[in-house]
Amino acid sequence: MEKIDYTGTVYLLDHKYPEPLLNHSIKKLGDIGIKKRI
């Protein structure tokens, strides 16, 4: 796989609504029981 240099927000299309990938990943981890510590 080739490395791509990119600075910016990566969006994930989840059920037709774009969402930043990091936010989506955190939400999915919460869905399976992994809690975010503040």
PDB file of N, CA and C in Angstrom:
ATOM      1  N   MET A   1       0.846  -1.176   0.000  1.00  0.00           N
ATOM      2  CA  MET A   1       0.000   0.000   0.000  1.00  0.00           C
ATOM      3  C   MET A   1       0.893   1.240   0.000  1.00  0.00           C
ATOM      4  N   GLU A   2       0.503   2.220  -0.760  1.00  0.00           N
ATOM      5  CA  GLU A   2       1.266   3.451  -0.876  1.00  0.00           C
ATOM      6  C   GLU A   2       0.858   4.437   0.212  1.00  0.00           C
ATOM      7  N   LYS A   3       1.861   5.104   0.786  1.00  0.00           N
ATOM      8  CA  LYS A   3       1.583   6.105   1.819  1.00  0.00           C
ATOM      9  C   LYS A   3       1.168   7.414   1.152  1.00  0.00           C
ATOM     10  N   ILE A   4       0.139   8.042   1.696  1.00  0.00           N
ATOM     11  CA  ILE A   4      -0.347   9.315   1.174  1.00  0.00           C
ATOM     12  C   ILE A   4      -0.223  10.362   2.272  1.00  0.00           C
ATOM     13  N   ASP A   5       0.492  11.451   1.982  1.00  0.00           N
ATOM     14  CA  ASP A   5       0.593  12.559   2.932  1.00  0.00           C
ATOM     15  C   ASP A   5      -0.639  13.433   2.782  1.00  0.00           C
ATOM     16  N   TYR A   6      -1.366  13.604   3.880  1.00  0.00           N
ATOM     17  CA  TYR A   6      -2.602  14.380   3.837  1.00  0.00           C
ATOM     18  C   TYR A   6      -2.811  15.056   5.173  1.00  0.00           C
ATOM     19  N   THR A   7      -3.108  16.331   5.145  1.00  0.00           N
ATOM     20  CA  THR A   7      -3.464  17.034   6.376  1.00  0.00           C
ATOM     21  C   THR A   7      -4.864  17.592   6.199  1.00  0.00           C
ATOM     22  N   GLY A   8      -5.760  17.131   7.013  1.00  0.00           N
ATOM     23  CA  GLY A   8      -7.151  17.548   6.932  1.00  0.00           C
ATOM     24  C   GLY A   8      -8.031  16.497   7.576  1.00  0.00           C
ATOM     25  N   THR A   9      -9.313  16.735   7.570  1.00  0.00           N
ATOM     26  CA  THR A   9     -10.265  15.808   8.167  1.00  0.00           C
ATOM     27  C   THR A   9     -10.655  14.740   7.162  1.00  0.00           C
ATOM     28  N   VAL A  10     -10.602  13.495   7.590  1.00  0.00           N
ATOM     29  CA  VAL A  10     -11.054  12.381   6.756  1.00  0.00           C
ATOM     30  C   VAL A  10     -12.487  12.076   7.162  1.00  0.00           C
ATOM     31  N   TYR A  11     -13.386  12.030   6.189  1.00  0.00           N
ATOM     32  CA  TYR A  11     -14.797  11.788   6.473  1.00  0.00           C
ATOM     33  C   TYR A  11     -15.194  10.379   6.092  1.00  0.00           C
ATOM     34  N   LEU A  12     -16.081   9.815   6.860  1.00  0.00           N
ATOM     35  CA  LEU A  12     -16.628   8.489   6.627  1.00  0.00           C
ATOM     36  C   LEU A  12     -18.110   8.645   6.335  1.00  0.00           C
ATOM     37  N   LEU A  13     -18.584   8.009   5.264  1.00  0.00           N
ATOM     38  CA  LEU A  13     -20.015   8.051   4.964  1.00  0.00           C
ATOM     39  C   LEU A  13     -20.692   6.922   5.718  1.00  0.00           C
ATOM     40  N   ASP A  14     -21.461   7.285   6.736  1.00  0.00           N
ATOM     41  CA  ASP A  14     -22.147   6.308   7.569  1.00  0.00           C
ATOM     42  C   ASP A  14     -23.649   6.537   7.429  1.00  0.00           C
ATOM     43  N   HIS A  15     -24.322   5.661   6.761  1.00  0.00           N
ATOM     44  CA  HIS A  15     -25.765   5.790   6.539  1.00  0.00           C
ATOM     45  C   HIS A  15     -26.112   7.122   5.877  1.00  0.00           C
ATOM     46  N   LYS A  16     -25.340   7.482   4.881  1.00  0.00           N
ATOM     47  CA  LYS A  16     -25.547   8.667   4.040  1.00  0.00           C
ATOM     48  C   LYS A  16     -25.162   9.991   4.686  1.00  0.00           C
ATOM     49  N   TYR A  17     -24.709   9.988   5.934  1.00  0.00           N
ATOM     50  CA  TYR A  17     -24.349  11.240   6.584  1.00  0.00           C
ATOM     51  C   TYR A  17     -22.840  11.276   6.814  1.00  0.00           C
ATOM     52  N   PRO A  18     -22.127  12.246   6.220  1.00  0.00           N
ATOM     53  CA  PRO A  18     -20.676  12.310   6.444  1.00  0.00           C
ATOM     54  C   PRO A  18     -20.368  12.651   7.894  1.00  0.00           C
ATOM     55  N   GLU A  19     -19.357  12.008   8.422  1.00  0.00           N
ATOM     56  CA  GLU A  19     -18.960  12.212   9.815  1.00  0.00           C
ATOM     57  C   GLU A  19     -17.443  12.078   9.873  1.00  0.00           C
ATOM     58  N   PRO A  20     -16.754  12.946  10.629  1.00  0.00           N
ATOM     59  CA  PRO A  20     -15.309  12.788  10.759  1.00  0.00           C
ATOM     60  C   PRO A  20     -14.958  11.385  11.258  1.00  0.00           C
ATOM     61  N   LEU A  21     -13.932  10.791  10.665  1.00  0.00           N
ATOM     62  CA  LEU A  21     -13.557   9.408  10.962  1.00  0.00           C
ATOM     63  C   LEU A  21     -13.254   9.203  12.443  1.00  0.00           C
ATOM     64  N   LEU A  22     -12.557  10.144  13.075  1.00  0.00           N
ATOM     65  CA  LEU A  22     -12.214  10.001  14.492  1.00  0.00           C
ATOM     66  C   LEU A  22     -13.468   9.952  15.359  1.00  0.00           C
ATOM     67  N   ASN A  23     -14.424  10.841  15.088  1.00  0.00           N
ATOM     68  CA  ASN A  23     -15.677  10.840  15.864  1.00  0.00           C
ATOM     69  C   ASN A  23     -16.433   9.537  15.663  1.00  0.00           C
ATOM     70  N   HIS A  24     -16.462   9.053  14.440  1.00  0.00           N
ATOM     71  CA  HIS A  24     -17.156   7.801  14.138  1.00  0.00           C
ATOM     72  C   HIS A  24     -16.498   6.637  14.884  1.00  0.00           C
ATOM     73  N   SER A  25     -15.163   6.603  14.882  1.00  0.00           N
ATOM     74  CA  SER A  25     -14.439   5.516  15.548  1.00  0.00           C
ATOM     75  C   SER A  25     -14.700   5.519  17.045  1.00  0.00           C
ATOM     76  N   ILE A  26     -14.691   6.697  17.657  1.00  0.00           N
ATOM     77  CA  ILE A  26     -14.953   6.798  19.097  1.00  0.00           C
ATOM     78  C   ILE A  26     -16.369   6.334  19.411  1.00  0.00           C
ATOM     79  N   LYS A  27     -17.333   6.723  18.570  1.00  0.00           N
ATOM     80  CA  LYS A  27     -18.724   6.314  18.786  1.00  0.00           C
ATOM     81  C   LYS A  27     -18.870   4.800  18.660  1.00  0.00           C
ATOM     82  N   LYS A  28     -18.219   4.192  17.663  1.00  0.00           N
ATOM     83  CA  LYS A  28     -18.325   2.748  17.468  1.00  0.00           C
ATOM     84  C   LYS A  28     -17.665   1.989  18.615  1.00  0.00           C
ATOM     85  N   LEU A  29     -16.553   2.486  19.132  1.00  0.00           N
ATOM     86  CA  LEU A  29     -15.918   1.845  20.288  1.00  0.00           C
ATOM     87  C   LEU A  29     -16.846   1.903  21.496  1.00  0.00           C
ATOM     88  N   GLY A  30     -17.540   3.013  21.671  1.00  0.00           N
ATOM     89  CA  GLY A  30     -18.517   3.130  22.754  1.00  0.00           C
ATOM     90  C   GLY A  30     -19.665   2.155  22.585  1.00  0.00           C
ATOM     91  N   ASP A  31     -20.066   1.929  21.324  1.00  0.00           N
ATOM     92  CA  ASP A  31     -21.160   0.989  21.053  1.00  0.00           C
ATOM     93  C   ASP A  31     -20.822  -0.433  21.491  1.00  0.00           C
ATOM     94  N   ILE A  32     -19.527  -0.800  21.430  1.00  0.00           N
ATOM     95  CA  ILE A  32     -19.147  -2.166  21.817  1.00  0.00           C
ATOM     96  C   ILE A  32     -18.676  -2.246  23.267  1.00  0.00           C
ATOM     97  N   GLY A  33     -18.800  -1.125  24.004  1.00  0.00           N
ATOM     98  CA  GLY A  33     -18.536  -1.167  25.435  1.00  0.00           C
ATOM     99  C   GLY A  33     -17.221  -0.571  25.880  1.00  0.00           C
ATOM    100  N   ILE A  34     -16.442  -0.005  24.976  1.00  0.00           N
ATOM    101  CA  ILE A  34     -15.186   0.633  25.363  1.00  0.00           C
ATOM    102  C   ILE A  34     -15.490   2.097  25.651  1.00  0.00           C
ATOM    103  N   LYS A  35     -15.265   2.515  26.885  1.00  0.00           N
ATOM    104  CA  LYS A  35     -15.646   3.858  27.304  1.00  0.00           C
ATOM    105  C   LYS A  35     -14.481   4.829  27.151  1.00  0.00           C
ATOM    106  N   LYS A  36     -14.806   6.082  26.821  1.00  0.00           N
ATOM    107  CA  LYS A  36     -13.814   7.137  26.664  1.00  0.00           C
ATOM    108  C   LYS A  36     -13.533   7.753  28.028  1.00  0.00           C
ATOM    109  N   ARG A  37     -12.253   7.841  28.392  1.00  0.00           N
ATOM    110  CA  ARG A  37     -11.863   8.485  29.644  1.00  0.00           C
ATOM    111  C   ARG A  37     -11.513   9.930  29.361  1.00  0.00           C
ATOM    112  N   ILE A  38     -11.944  10.806  30.243  1.00  0.00           N
ATOM    113  CA  ILE A  38     -11.660  12.239  30.061  1.00  0.00           C
ATOM    114  C   ILE A  38     -10.572  12.662  31.017  1.00  0.00           C
TER     115      ILE A  38
END
